[in-house]
Amino acid sequence: MTQTQPDRLDQLESIIERIDRKLDAIANDIVTMKVSQAKTEGLLEGFNKRFDSLEIRVTAQDTRLWGFIVTLSLAVIGFLSKLAFFPKA
């Protein structure tokens, strides 16, 4: 019986060491995932800033386009009115 006790203790010790190694590996994986997540969040924030910038540009272009369309429409209406009311002038 004295021989089996140390064998069992050695087995338990080796099992505990394996569990400890696995827990360390899991902890390292978690740290790696957190770093990866932080990098991804940083990239997403950069993309969000770019999209905000693009939205501002598109809004400015829309404003210019509508201004051009209104100006052109008023010019055409004015020209047609001139032709209608003052055809010989």
Protein backbone atom coordinates (compact mmCIF):
# COMPACT_ATOMS: atom_id res chain seq x y z
CA MET A 1 0.00 0.00 0.00
CA THR A 2 2.89 2.34 0.50
CA GLN A 3 3.86 2.04 -3.15
CA THR A 4 0.44 2.96 -4.49
CA GLN A 5 0.10 6.14 -2.47
CA PRO A 6 3.14 7.89 -3.98
CA ASP A 7 2.07 6.72 -7.46
CA ARG A 8 -1.34 8.28 -7.00
CA LEU A 9 0.16 11.45 -5.64
CA ASP A 10 2.50 11.62 -8.64
CA GLN A 11 -0.44 11.08 -10.99
CA LEU A 12 -2.44 13.79 -9.27
CA GLU A 13 0.54 16.12 -9.42
CA SER A 14 1.02 15.52 -13.13
CA ILE A 15 -2.70 16.05 -13.75
CA ILE A 16 -2.61 19.29 -11.80
CA GLU A 17 0.44 20.44 -13.77
CA ARG A 18 -1.33 19.69 -17.08
CA ILE A 19 -4.39 21.60 -15.90
CA ASP A 20 -2.17 24.49 -14.85
CA ARG A 21 -0.48 24.54 -18.28
CA LYS A 22 -3.85 24.48 -20.02
CA LEU A 23 -5.10 27.36 -17.87
CA ASP A 24 -1.97 29.35 -18.70
CA ALA A 25 -2.53 28.68 -22.40
CA ILE A 26 -6.15 29.82 -22.11
CA ALA A 27 -5.04 32.98 -20.28
CA ASN A 28 -2.52 33.72 -23.05
CA ASP A 29 -5.23 33.19 -25.67
CA ILE A 30 -7.53 35.59 -23.84
CA VAL A 31 -4.82 38.25 -23.75
CA THR A 32 -4.20 37.76 -27.46
CA MET A 33 -7.91 38.06 -28.21
CA LYS A 34 -8.18 41.26 -26.17
CA VAL A 35 -5.26 42.80 -28.05
CA SER A 36 -6.80 41.75 -31.35
CA GLN A 37 -10.15 43.18 -30.28
CA ALA A 38 -8.54 46.50 -29.33
CA LYS A 39 -6.82 46.70 -32.74
CA THR A 40 -10.09 45.93 -34.50
CA GLU A 41 -11.94 48.58 -32.52
CA GLY A 42 -9.24 51.10 -33.43
CA LEU A 43 -9.62 50.27 -37.11
CA LEU A 44 -13.40 50.56 -36.89
CA GLU A 45 -13.11 53.97 -35.25
CA GLY A 46 -10.86 55.07 -38.11
CA PHE A 47 -13.41 53.85 -40.66
CA ASN A 48 -16.20 55.64 -38.80
CA LYS A 49 -14.23 58.89 -38.97
CA ARG A 50 -13.73 58.38 -42.70
CA PHE A 51 -17.43 57.71 -43.23
CA ASP A 52 -18.31 60.85 -41.27
CA SER A 53 -15.91 62.81 -43.46
CA LEU A 54 -17.46 61.32 -46.61
CA GLU A 55 -20.94 62.17 -45.36
CA ILE A 56 -19.94 65.81 -44.91
CA ARG A 57 -18.48 65.89 -48.43
CA VAL A 58 -21.57 64.33 -49.97
CA THR A 59 -23.80 66.83 -48.18
CA ALA A 60 -21.69 69.70 -49.52
CA GLN A 61 -21.86 68.28 -53.05
CA ASP A 62 -25.63 67.87 -52.80
CA THR A 63 -25.94 71.50 -51.75
CA ARG A 64 -23.82 72.67 -54.68
CA LEU A 65 -25.73 70.46 -57.12
CA TRP A 66 -29.12 71.75 -55.99
CA GLY A 67 -27.83 75.32 -56.14
CA PHE A 68 -26.69 74.73 -59.73
CA ILE A 69 -30.03 73.13 -60.68
CA VAL A 70 -32.06 76.00 -59.17
CA THR A 71 -29.86 78.61 -60.85
CA LEU A 72 -30.10 76.86 -64.22
CA SER A 73 -33.88 76.48 -63.85
CA LEU A 74 -34.31 80.16 -63.02
CA ALA A 75 -32.15 81.12 -66.00
CA VAL A 76 -34.21 78.94 -68.36
CA ILE A 77 -37.50 80.30 -66.94
CA GLY A 78 -36.17 83.84 -67.29
CA PHE A 79 -35.07 83.23 -70.89
CA LEU A 80 -38.42 81.64 -71.80
CA SER A 81 -40.28 84.53 -70.12
CA LYS A 82 -38.24 87.04 -72.11
CA LEU A 83 -39.09 85.21 -75.33
CA ALA A 84 -42.77 85.04 -74.37
CA PHE A 85 -43.24 88.63 -73.24
CA PHE A 86 -40.67 90.43 -75.41
CA PRO A 87 -40.31 88.39 -78.58
CA LYS A 88 -38.80 91.14 -80.76
CA ALA A 89 -36.40 92.68 -78.30
